[in-house]
């Protein structure tokens, strides 16, 4: 049976116990992501969302329109939470 040359010379690595798998050529530090578990995808999306909200909060310090919009979002959040607590 002939071994595919790409497979024969490719190193597969997973720094997180199989959640994410990378491939690279021996001796190279450049790697390509081959697969990512749903758990890792969800975590990455949550981290991206958190970074976005951090950026929005920082920008709102100097952007009046953004600050006013954030104030409305915060008000809506508190109103929704108080309704949720009233239903329990």
PDB file of N, CA and C in Angstrom:
ATOM      1  N   UNK A   1       0.849  -1.179   0.000  1.00  0.00           N
ATOM      2  CA  UNK A   1       0.000   0.000   0.000  1.00  0.00           C
ATOM      3  C   UNK A   1       0.890   1.236   0.000  1.00  0.00           C
ATOM      4  N   UNK A   2       0.590   2.186  -0.858  1.00  0.00           N
ATOM      5  CA  UNK A   2       1.380   3.405  -0.956  1.00  0.00           C
ATOM      6  C   UNK A   2       0.838   4.457   0.006  1.00  0.00           C
ATOM      7  N   UNK A   3       1.724   5.085   0.758  1.00  0.00           N
ATOM      8  CA  UNK A   3       1.330   6.118   1.707  1.00  0.00           C
ATOM      9  C   UNK A   3       1.339   7.454   0.989  1.00  0.00           C
ATOM     10  N   UNK A   4       0.276   8.226   1.181  1.00  0.00           N
ATOM     11  CA  UNK A   4       0.192   9.549   0.590  1.00  0.00           C
ATOM     12  C   UNK A   4       1.350  10.401   1.104  1.00  0.00           C
ATOM     13  N   UNK A   5       2.047  11.094   0.212  1.00  0.00           N
ATOM     14  CA  UNK A   5       3.239  11.860   0.606  1.00  0.00           C
ATOM     15  C   UNK A   5       2.901  12.955   1.607  1.00  0.00           C
ATOM     16  N   UNK A   6       1.741  13.586   1.483  1.00  0.00           N
ATOM     17  CA  UNK A   6       1.367  14.629   2.435  1.00  0.00           C
ATOM     18  C   UNK A   6       1.229  14.024   3.827  1.00  0.00           C
ATOM     19  N   UNK A   7       0.530  12.910   3.935  1.00  0.00           N
ATOM     20  CA  UNK A   7       0.359  12.253   5.226  1.00  0.00           C
ATOM     21  C   UNK A   7       1.681  11.729   5.753  1.00  0.00           C
ATOM     22  N   UNK A   8       2.493  11.195   4.865  1.00  0.00           N
ATOM     23  CA  UNK A   8       3.761  10.602   5.261  1.00  0.00           C
ATOM     24  C   UNK A   8       4.683  11.623   5.927  1.00  0.00           C
ATOM     25  N   UNK A   9       4.658  12.851   5.463  1.00  0.00           N
ATOM     26  CA  UNK A   9       5.586  13.856   5.959  1.00  0.00           C
ATOM     27  C   UNK A   9       4.919  14.958   6.778  1.00  0.00           C
ATOM     28  N   UNK A  10       3.703  14.781   7.153  1.00  0.00           N
ATOM     29  CA  UNK A  10       2.997  15.800   7.924  1.00  0.00           C
ATOM     30  C   UNK A  10       2.977  15.416   9.396  1.00  0.00           C
ATOM     31  N   UNK A  11       3.247  16.407  10.262  1.00  0.00           N
ATOM     32  CA  UNK A  11       3.168  16.208  11.707  1.00  0.00           C
ATOM     33  C   UNK A  11       1.841  16.797  12.167  1.00  0.00           C
ATOM     34  N   UNK A  12       1.072  16.016  12.889  1.00  0.00           N
ATOM     35  CA  UNK A  12      -0.198  16.491  13.441  1.00  0.00           C
ATOM     36  C   UNK A  12      -0.005  16.734  14.927  1.00  0.00           C
ATOM     37  N   UNK A  13      -0.480  17.904  15.404  1.00  0.00           N
ATOM     38  CA  UNK A  13      -0.299  18.281  16.802  1.00  0.00           C
ATOM     39  C   UNK A  13      -1.616  18.792  17.379  1.00  0.00           C
ATOM     40  N   UNK A  14      -1.766  18.571  18.670  1.00  0.00           N
ATOM     41  CA  UNK A  14      -2.923  19.104  19.374  1.00  0.00           C
ATOM     42  C   UNK A  14      -2.466  19.578  20.752  1.00  0.00           C
ATOM     43  N   UNK A  15      -2.368  20.896  20.935  1.00  0.00           N
ATOM     44  CA  UNK A  15      -1.908  21.415  22.222  1.00  0.00           C
ATOM     45  C   UNK A  15      -2.950  21.339  23.327  1.00  0.00           C
ATOM     46  N   UNK A  16      -4.190  20.989  22.969  1.00  0.00           N
ATOM     47  CA  UNK A  16      -5.267  20.980  23.961  1.00  0.00           C
ATOM     48  C   UNK A  16      -5.987  19.638  24.039  1.00  0.00           C
ATOM     49  N   UNK A  17      -5.246  18.587  23.888  1.00  0.00           N
ATOM     50  CA  UNK A  17      -5.814  17.246  24.074  1.00  0.00           C
ATOM     51  C   UNK A  17      -6.823  16.825  23.030  1.00  0.00           C
ATOM     52  N   UNK A  18      -6.679  17.296  21.814  1.00  0.00           N
ATOM     53  CA  UNK A  18      -7.563  16.876  20.734  1.00  0.00           C
ATOM     54  C   UNK A  18      -8.678  17.841  20.408  1.00  0.00           C
ATOM     55  N   UNK A  19      -8.831  18.908  21.193  1.00  0.00           N
ATOM     56  CA  UNK A  19      -9.881  19.885  20.914  1.00  0.00           C
ATOM     57  C   UNK A  19      -9.586  20.654  19.619  1.00  0.00           C
ATOM     58  N   UNK A  20      -8.312  20.942  19.380  1.00  0.00           N
ATOM     59  CA  UNK A  20      -7.865  21.622  18.170  1.00  0.00           C
ATOM     60  C   UNK A  20      -6.704  20.825  17.595  1.00  0.00           C
ATOM     61  N   UNK A  21      -6.727  20.593  16.277  1.00  0.00           N
ATOM     62  CA  UNK A  21      -5.662  19.816  15.636  1.00  0.00           C
ATOM     63  C   UNK A  21      -5.011  20.671  14.556  1.00  0.00           C
ATOM     64  N   UNK A  22      -3.675  20.703  14.587  1.00  0.00           N
ATOM     65  CA  UNK A  22      -2.878  21.441  13.611  1.00  0.00           C
ATOM     66  C   UNK A  22      -2.010  20.471  12.837  1.00  0.00           C
ATOM     67  N   UNK A  23      -1.626  20.862  11.628  1.00  0.00           N
ATOM     68  CA  UNK A  23      -0.690  20.084  10.811  1.00  0.00           C
ATOM     69  C   UNK A  23       0.469  20.995  10.430  1.00  0.00           C
ATOM     70  N   UNK A  24       1.668  20.408  10.395  1.00  0.00           N
ATOM     71  CA  UNK A  24       2.844  21.152   9.960  1.00  0.00           C
ATOM     72  C   UNK A  24       3.837  20.182   9.353  1.00  0.00           C
ATOM     73  N   UNK A  25       4.745  20.718   8.593  1.00  0.00           N
ATOM     74  CA  UNK A  25       5.807  19.908   8.007  1.00  0.00           C
ATOM     75  C   UNK A  25       6.919  19.775   9.047  1.00  0.00           C
ATOM     76  N   UNK A  26       7.595  18.635   9.108  1.00  0.00           N
ATOM     77  CA  UNK A  26       8.692  18.460  10.066  1.00  0.00           C
ATOM     78  C   UNK A  26       9.739  19.570   9.902  1.00  0.00           C
ATOM     79  N   UNK A  27      10.183  20.129  11.023  1.00  0.00           N
ATOM     80  CA  UNK A  27      11.190  21.183  11.010  1.00  0.00           C
ATOM     81  C   UNK A  27      10.632  22.580  10.826  1.00  0.00           C
ATOM     82  N   UNK A  28       9.356  22.688  10.515  1.00  0.00           N
ATOM     83  CA  UNK A  28       8.721  23.986  10.300  1.00  0.00           C
ATOM     84  C   UNK A  28       7.955  24.398  11.556  1.00  0.00           C
ATOM     85  N   UNK A  29       7.869  25.687  11.784  1.00  0.00           N
ATOM     86  CA  UNK A  29       7.037  26.190  12.881  1.00  0.00           C
ATOM     87  C   UNK A  29       5.697  26.686  12.363  1.00  0.00           C
ATOM     88  N   UNK A  30       5.548  26.789  11.040  1.00  0.00           N
ATOM     89  CA  UNK A  30       4.287  27.218  10.433  1.00  0.00           C
ATOM     90  C   UNK A  30       3.314  26.058  10.446  1.00  0.00           C
ATOM     91  N   UNK A  31       2.139  26.293  10.999  1.00  0.00           N
ATOM     92  CA  UNK A  31       1.151  25.220  11.070  1.00  0.00           C
ATOM     93  C   UNK A  31      -0.197  25.700  10.571  1.00  0.00           C
ATOM     94  N   UNK A  32      -1.018  24.728  10.192  1.00  0.00           N
ATOM     95  CA  UNK A  32      -2.347  24.987   9.658  1.00  0.00           C
ATOM     96  C   UNK A  32      -3.362  24.293  10.552  1.00  0.00           C
ATOM     97  N   UNK A  33      -4.419  25.030  10.922  1.00  0.00           N
ATOM     98  CA  UNK A  33      -5.470  24.420  11.734  1.00  0.00           C
ATOM     99  C   UNK A  33      -6.273  23.470  10.864  1.00  0.00           C
ATOM    100  N   UNK A  34      -6.376  22.218  11.305  1.00  0.00           N
ATOM    101  CA  UNK A  34      -7.098  21.187  10.570  1.00  0.00           C
ATOM    102  C   UNK A  34      -8.533  21.050  11.079  1.00  0.00           C
ATOM    103  N   UNK A  35      -8.686  21.058  12.406  1.00  0.00           N
ATOM    104  CA  UNK A  35     -10.030  20.922  12.970  1.00  0.00           C
ATOM    105  C   UNK A  35     -10.100  21.595  14.335  1.00  0.00           C
ATOM    106  N   UNK A  36     -11.330  21.886  14.730  1.00  0.00           N
ATOM    107  CA  UNK A  36     -11.588  22.553  16.003  1.00  0.00           C
ATOM    108  C   UNK A  36     -12.916  22.029  16.531  1.00  0.00           C
ATOM    109  N   UNK A  37     -12.943  21.647  17.812  1.00  0.00           N
ATOM    110  CA  UNK A  37     -14.173  21.107  18.393  1.00  0.00           C
ATOM    111  C   UNK A  37     -15.213  22.212  18.574  1.00  0.00           C
ATOM    112  N   UNK A  38     -16.461  21.811  18.724  1.00  0.00           N
ATOM    113  CA  UNK A  38     -17.530  22.777  18.975  1.00  0.00           C
ATOM    114  C   UNK A  38     -17.272  23.546  20.266  1.00  0.00           C
ATOM    115  N   UNK A  39     -16.717  22.867  21.253  1.00  0.00           N
ATOM    116  CA  UNK A  39     -16.393  23.506  22.535  1.00  0.00           C
ATOM    117  C   UNK A  39     -15.420  24.663  22.322  1.00  0.00           C
ATOM    118  N   UNK A  40     -14.372  24.441  21.543  1.00  0.00           N
ATOM    119  CA  UNK A  40     -13.375  25.479  21.280  1.00  0.00           C
ATOM    120  C   UNK A  40     -13.977  26.594  20.436  1.00  0.00           C
ATOM    121  N   UNK A  41     -14.806  26.254  19.458  1.00  0.00           N
ATOM    122  CA  UNK A  41     -15.455  27.277  18.632  1.00  0.00           C
ATOM    123  C   UNK A  41     -16.329  28.185  19.497  1.00  0.00           C
ATOM    124  N   UNK A  42     -17.102  27.592  20.396  1.00  0.00           N
ATOM    125  CA  UNK A  42     -17.972  28.364  21.276  1.00  0.00           C
ATOM    126  C   UNK A  42     -17.149  29.273  22.181  1.00  0.00           C
ATOM    127  N   UNK A  43     -16.079  28.745  22.743  1.00  0.00           N
ATOM    128  CA  UNK A  43     -15.212  29.544  23.600  1.00  0.00           C
ATOM    129  C   UNK A  43     -14.589  30.705  22.831  1.00  0.00           C
ATOM    130  N   UNK A  44     -14.119  30.443  21.608  1.00  0.00           N
ATOM    131  CA  UNK A  44     -13.526  31.491  20.784  1.00  0.00           C
ATOM    132  C   UNK A  44     -14.551  32.571  20.469  1.00  0.00           C
ATOM    133  N   UNK A  45     -15.785  32.178  20.155  1.00  0.00           N
ATOM    134  CA  UNK A  45     -16.840  33.144  19.859  1.00  0.00           C
ATOM    135  C   UNK A  45     -17.160  33.999  21.087  1.00  0.00           C
ATOM    136  N   UNK A  46     -17.196  33.368  22.275  1.00  0.00           N
ATOM    137  CA  UNK A  46     -17.450  34.113  23.507  1.00  0.00           C
ATOM    138  C   UNK A  46     -16.319  35.110  23.785  1.00  0.00           C
ATOM    139  N   UNK A  47     -15.085  34.689  23.566  1.00  0.00           N
ATOM    140  CA  UNK A  47     -13.951  35.590  23.761  1.00  0.00           C
ATOM    141  C   UNK A  47     -14.015  36.759  22.786  1.00  0.00           C
ATOM    142  N   UNK A  48     -14.374  36.488  21.542  1.00  0.00           N
ATOM    143  CA  UNK A  48     -14.510  37.559  20.546  1.00  0.00           C
ATOM    144  C   UNK A  48     -15.611  38.534  20.933  1.00  0.00           C
ATOM    145  N   UNK A  49     -16.748  38.007  21.425  1.00  0.00           N
ATOM    146  CA  UNK A  49     -17.847  38.869  21.879  1.00  0.00           C
ATOM    147  C   UNK A  49     -17.407  39.731  23.059  1.00  0.00           C
ATOM    148  N   UNK A  50     -16.700  39.134  24.010  1.00  0.00           N
ATOM    149  CA  UNK A  50     -16.219  39.891  25.167  1.00  0.00           C
ATOM    150  C   UNK A  50     -15.266  40.998  24.734  1.00  0.00           C
ATOM    151  N   UNK A  51     -14.397  40.703  23.787  1.00  0.00           N
ATOM    152  CA  UNK A  51     -13.469  41.719  23.287  1.00  0.00           C
ATOM    153  C   UNK A  51     -14.220  42.839  22.590  1.00  0.00           C
ATOM    154  N   UNK A  52     -15.248  42.479  21.827  1.00  0.00           N
ATOM    155  CA  UNK A  52     -16.063  43.491  21.154  1.00  0.00           C
ATOM    156  C   UNK A  52     -16.711  44.426  22.170  1.00  0.00           C
ATOM    157  N   UNK A  53     -17.335  43.862  23.219  1.00  0.00           N
ATOM    158  CA  UNK A  53     -17.982  44.700  24.232  1.00  0.00           C
ATOM    159  C   UNK A  53     -16.976  45.564  24.977  1.00  0.00           C
ATOM    160  N   UNK A  54     -15.792  45.041  25.202  1.00  0.00           N
ATOM    161  CA  UNK A  54     -14.724  45.838  25.824  1.00  0.00           C
ATOM    162  C   UNK A  54     -14.369  47.020  24.925  1.00  0.00           C
ATOM    163  N   UNK A  55     -14.227  46.766  23.638  1.00  0.00           N
ATOM    164  CA  UNK A  55     -13.921  47.831  22.688  1.00  0.00           C
ATOM    165  C   UNK A  55     -15.038  48.873  22.635  1.00  0.00           C
ATOM    166  N   UNK A  56     -16.284  48.404  22.676  1.00  0.00           N
ATOM    167  CA  UNK A  56     -17.428  49.323  22.660  1.00  0.00           C
ATOM    168  C   UNK A  56     -17.418  50.202  23.907  1.00  0.00           C
ATOM    169  N   UNK A  57     -17.195  49.598  25.077  1.00  0.00           N
ATOM    170  CA  UNK A  57     -17.140  50.375  26.321  1.00  0.00           C
ATOM    171  C   UNK A  57     -16.033  51.425  26.263  1.00  0.00           C
ATOM    172  N   UNK A  58     -14.878  51.042  25.764  1.00  0.00           N
ATOM    173  CA  UNK A  58     -13.768  52.001  25.669  1.00  0.00           C
ATOM    174  C   UNK A  58     -14.087  53.134  24.701  1.00  0.00           C
ATOM    175  N   UNK A  59     -14.671  52.812  23.577  1.00  0.00           N
ATOM    176  CA  UNK A  59     -15.024  53.836  22.587  1.00  0.00           C
ATOM    177  C   UNK A  59     -16.108  54.761  23.126  1.00  0.00           C
ATOM    178  N   UNK A  60     -17.018  54.227  23.931  1.00  0.00           N
ATOM    179  CA  UNK A  60     -18.124  55.020  24.481  1.00  0.00           C
ATOM    180  C   UNK A  60     -17.633  56.104  25.439  1.00  0.00           C
ATOM    181  N   UNK A  61     -16.405  55.981  25.914  1.00  0.00           N
ATOM    182  CA  UNK A  61     -15.852  57.009  26.801  1.00  0.00           C
ATOM    183  C   UNK A  61     -15.697  58.343  26.082  1.00  0.00           C
ATOM    184  N   UNK A  62     -15.505  58.305  24.775  1.00  0.00           N
ATOM    185  CA  UNK A  62     -15.293  59.532  24.008  1.00  0.00           C
ATOM    186  C   UNK A  62     -16.339  59.753  22.915  1.00  0.00           C
ATOM    187  N   UNK A  63     -17.271  58.818  22.755  1.00  0.00           N
ATOM    188  CA  UNK A  63     -18.287  58.915  21.703  1.00  0.00           C
ATOM    189  C   UNK A  63     -19.653  59.042  22.370  1.00  0.00           C
ATOM    190  N   UNK A  64     -20.214  60.231  22.337  1.00  0.00           N
ATOM    191  CA  UNK A  64     -21.474  60.509  23.037  1.00  0.00           C
ATOM    192  C   UNK A  64     -22.619  59.640  22.533  1.00  0.00           C
ATOM    193  N   UNK A  65     -22.755  59.504  21.222  1.00  0.00           N
ATOM    194  CA  UNK A  65     -23.852  58.700  20.664  1.00  0.00           C
ATOM    195  C   UNK A  65     -23.740  57.249  21.115  1.00  0.00           C
ATOM    196  N   UNK A  66     -22.535  56.731  21.119  1.00  0.00           N
ATOM    197  CA  UNK A  66     -22.326  55.349  21.560  1.00  0.00           C
ATOM    198  C   UNK A  66     -22.620  55.210  23.051  1.00  0.00           C
ATOM    199  N   UNK A  67     -22.212  56.185  23.845  1.00  0.00           N
ATOM    200  CA  UNK A  67     -22.472  56.160  25.292  1.00  0.00           C
ATOM    201  C   UNK A  67     -23.968  56.156  25.553  1.00  0.00           C
ATOM    202  N   UNK A  68     -24.714  56.985  24.824  1.00  0.00           N
ATOM    203  CA  UNK A  68     -26.168  57.037  25.004  1.00  0.00           C
ATOM    204  C   UNK A  68     -26.808  55.710  24.611  1.00  0.00           C
ATOM    205  N   UNK A  69     -26.340  55.115  23.539  1.00  0.00           N
ATOM    206  CA  UNK A  69     -26.862  53.808  23.123  1.00  0.00           C
ATOM    207  C   UNK A  69     -26.555  52.750  24.179  1.00  0.00           C
ATOM    208  N   UNK A  70     -25.365  52.789  24.732  1.00  0.00           N
ATOM    209  CA  UNK A  70     -25.013  51.827  25.788  1.00  0.00           C
ATOM    210  C   UNK A  70     -25.884  52.029  27.022  1.00  0.00           C
ATOM    211  N   UNK A  71     -26.159  53.281  27.362  1.00  0.00           N
ATOM    212  CA  UNK A  71     -27.035  53.558  28.505  1.00  0.00           C
ATOM    213  C   UNK A  71     -28.414  52.943  28.289  1.00  0.00           C
ATOM    214  N   UNK A  72     -28.918  53.030  27.040  1.00  0.00           N
ATOM    215  CA  UNK A  72     -30.225  52.429  26.732  1.00  0.00           C
ATOM    216  C   UNK A  72     -30.160  50.903  26.831  1.00  0.00           C
ATOM    217  N   UNK A  73     -29.079  50.318  26.345  1.00  0.00           N
ATOM    218  CA  UNK A  73     -28.909  48.861  26.437  1.00  0.00           C
ATOM    219  C   UNK A  73     -28.859  48.427  27.897  1.00  0.00           C
ATOM    220  N   UNK A  74     -28.137  49.175  28.719  1.00  0.00           N
ATOM    221  CA  UNK A  74     -28.034  48.846  30.149  1.00  0.00           C
ATOM    222  C   UNK A  74     -29.404  48.944  30.808  1.00  0.00           C
ATOM    223  N   UNK A  75     -30.156  49.977  30.470  1.00  0.00           N
ATOM    224  CA  UNK A  75     -31.506  50.126  31.017  1.00  0.00           C
ATOM    225  C   UNK A  75     -32.385  48.950  30.606  1.00  0.00           C
ATOM    226  N   UNK A  76     -32.356  48.588  29.327  1.00  0.00           N
ATOM    227  CA  UNK A  76     -33.138  47.440  28.862  1.00  0.00           C
ATOM    228  C   UNK A  76     -32.729  46.156  29.577  1.00  0.00           C
ATOM    229  N   UNK A  77     -31.448  45.984  29.781  1.00  0.00           N
ATOM    230  CA  UNK A  77     -30.949  44.795  30.496  1.00  0.00           C
ATOM    231  C   UNK A  77     -31.533  44.740  31.910  1.00  0.00           C
ATOM    232  N   UNK A  78     -31.461  45.861  32.628  1.00  0.00           N
ATOM    233  CA  UNK A  78     -31.976  45.874  34.006  1.00  0.00           C
ATOM    234  C   UNK A  78     -33.491  45.666  34.044  1.00  0.00           C
ATOM    235  N   UNK A  79     -34.205  46.241  33.094  1.00  0.00           N
ATOM    236  CA  UNK A  79     -35.653  46.028  33.033  1.00  0.00           C
ATOM    237  C   UNK A  79     -35.980  44.550  32.771  1.00  0.00           C
ATOM    238  N   UNK A  80     -35.249  43.947  31.842  1.00  0.00           N
ATOM    239  CA  UNK A  80     -35.481  42.528  31.539  1.00  0.00           C
ATOM    240  C   UNK A  80     -35.165  41.652  32.742  1.00  0.00           C
ATOM    241  N   UNK A  81     -34.076  41.958  33.442  1.00  0.00           N
ATOM    242  CA  UNK A  81     -33.699  41.170  34.630  1.00  0.00           C
ATOM    243  C   UNK A  81     -34.739  41.323  35.725  1.00  0.00           C
ATOM    244  N   UNK A  82     -35.272  42.522  35.907  1.00  0.00           N
ATOM    245  CA  UNK A  82     -36.273  42.728  36.967  1.00  0.00           C
ATOM    246  C   UNK A  82     -37.561  41.994  36.611  1.00  0.00           C
ATOM    247  N   UNK A  83     -37.916  41.932  35.320  1.00  0.00           N
ATOM    248  CA  UNK A  83     -39.092  41.160  34.910  1.00  0.00           C
ATOM    249  C   UNK A  83     -38.869  39.671  35.134  1.00  0.00           C
ATOM    250  N   UNK A  84     -37.670  39.200  34.805  1.00  0.00           N
ATOM    251  CA  UNK A  84     -37.338  37.770  35.023  1.00  0.00           C
ATOM    252  C   UNK A  84     -37.435  37.426  36.497  1.00  0.00           C
ATOM    253  N   UNK A  85     -36.934  38.293  37.357  1.00  0.00           N
ATOM    254  CA  UNK A  85     -36.969  38.045  38.803  1.00  0.00           C
ATOM    255  C   UNK A  85     -38.385  38.100  39.336  1.00  0.00           C
ATOM    256  N   UNK A  86     -39.243  38.914  38.715  1.00  0.00           N
ATOM    257  CA  UNK A  86     -40.633  39.001  39.132  1.00  0.00           C
ATOM    258  C   UNK A  86     -41.447  37.781  38.742  1.00  0.00           C
ATOM    259  N   UNK A  87     -41.010  37.052  37.720  1.00  0.00           N
ATOM    260  CA  UNK A  87     -41.717  35.859  37.259  1.00  0.00           C
ATOM    261  C   UNK A  87     -41.326  34.619  38.042  1.00  0.00           C
ATOM    262  N   UNK A  88     -40.318  34.690  38.863  1.00  0.00           N
ATOM    263  CA  UNK A  88     -39.862  33.505  39.628  1.00  0.00           C
ATOM    264  C   UNK A  88     -40.505  33.407  40.968  1.00  0.00           C
TER     265      UNK A  88
END
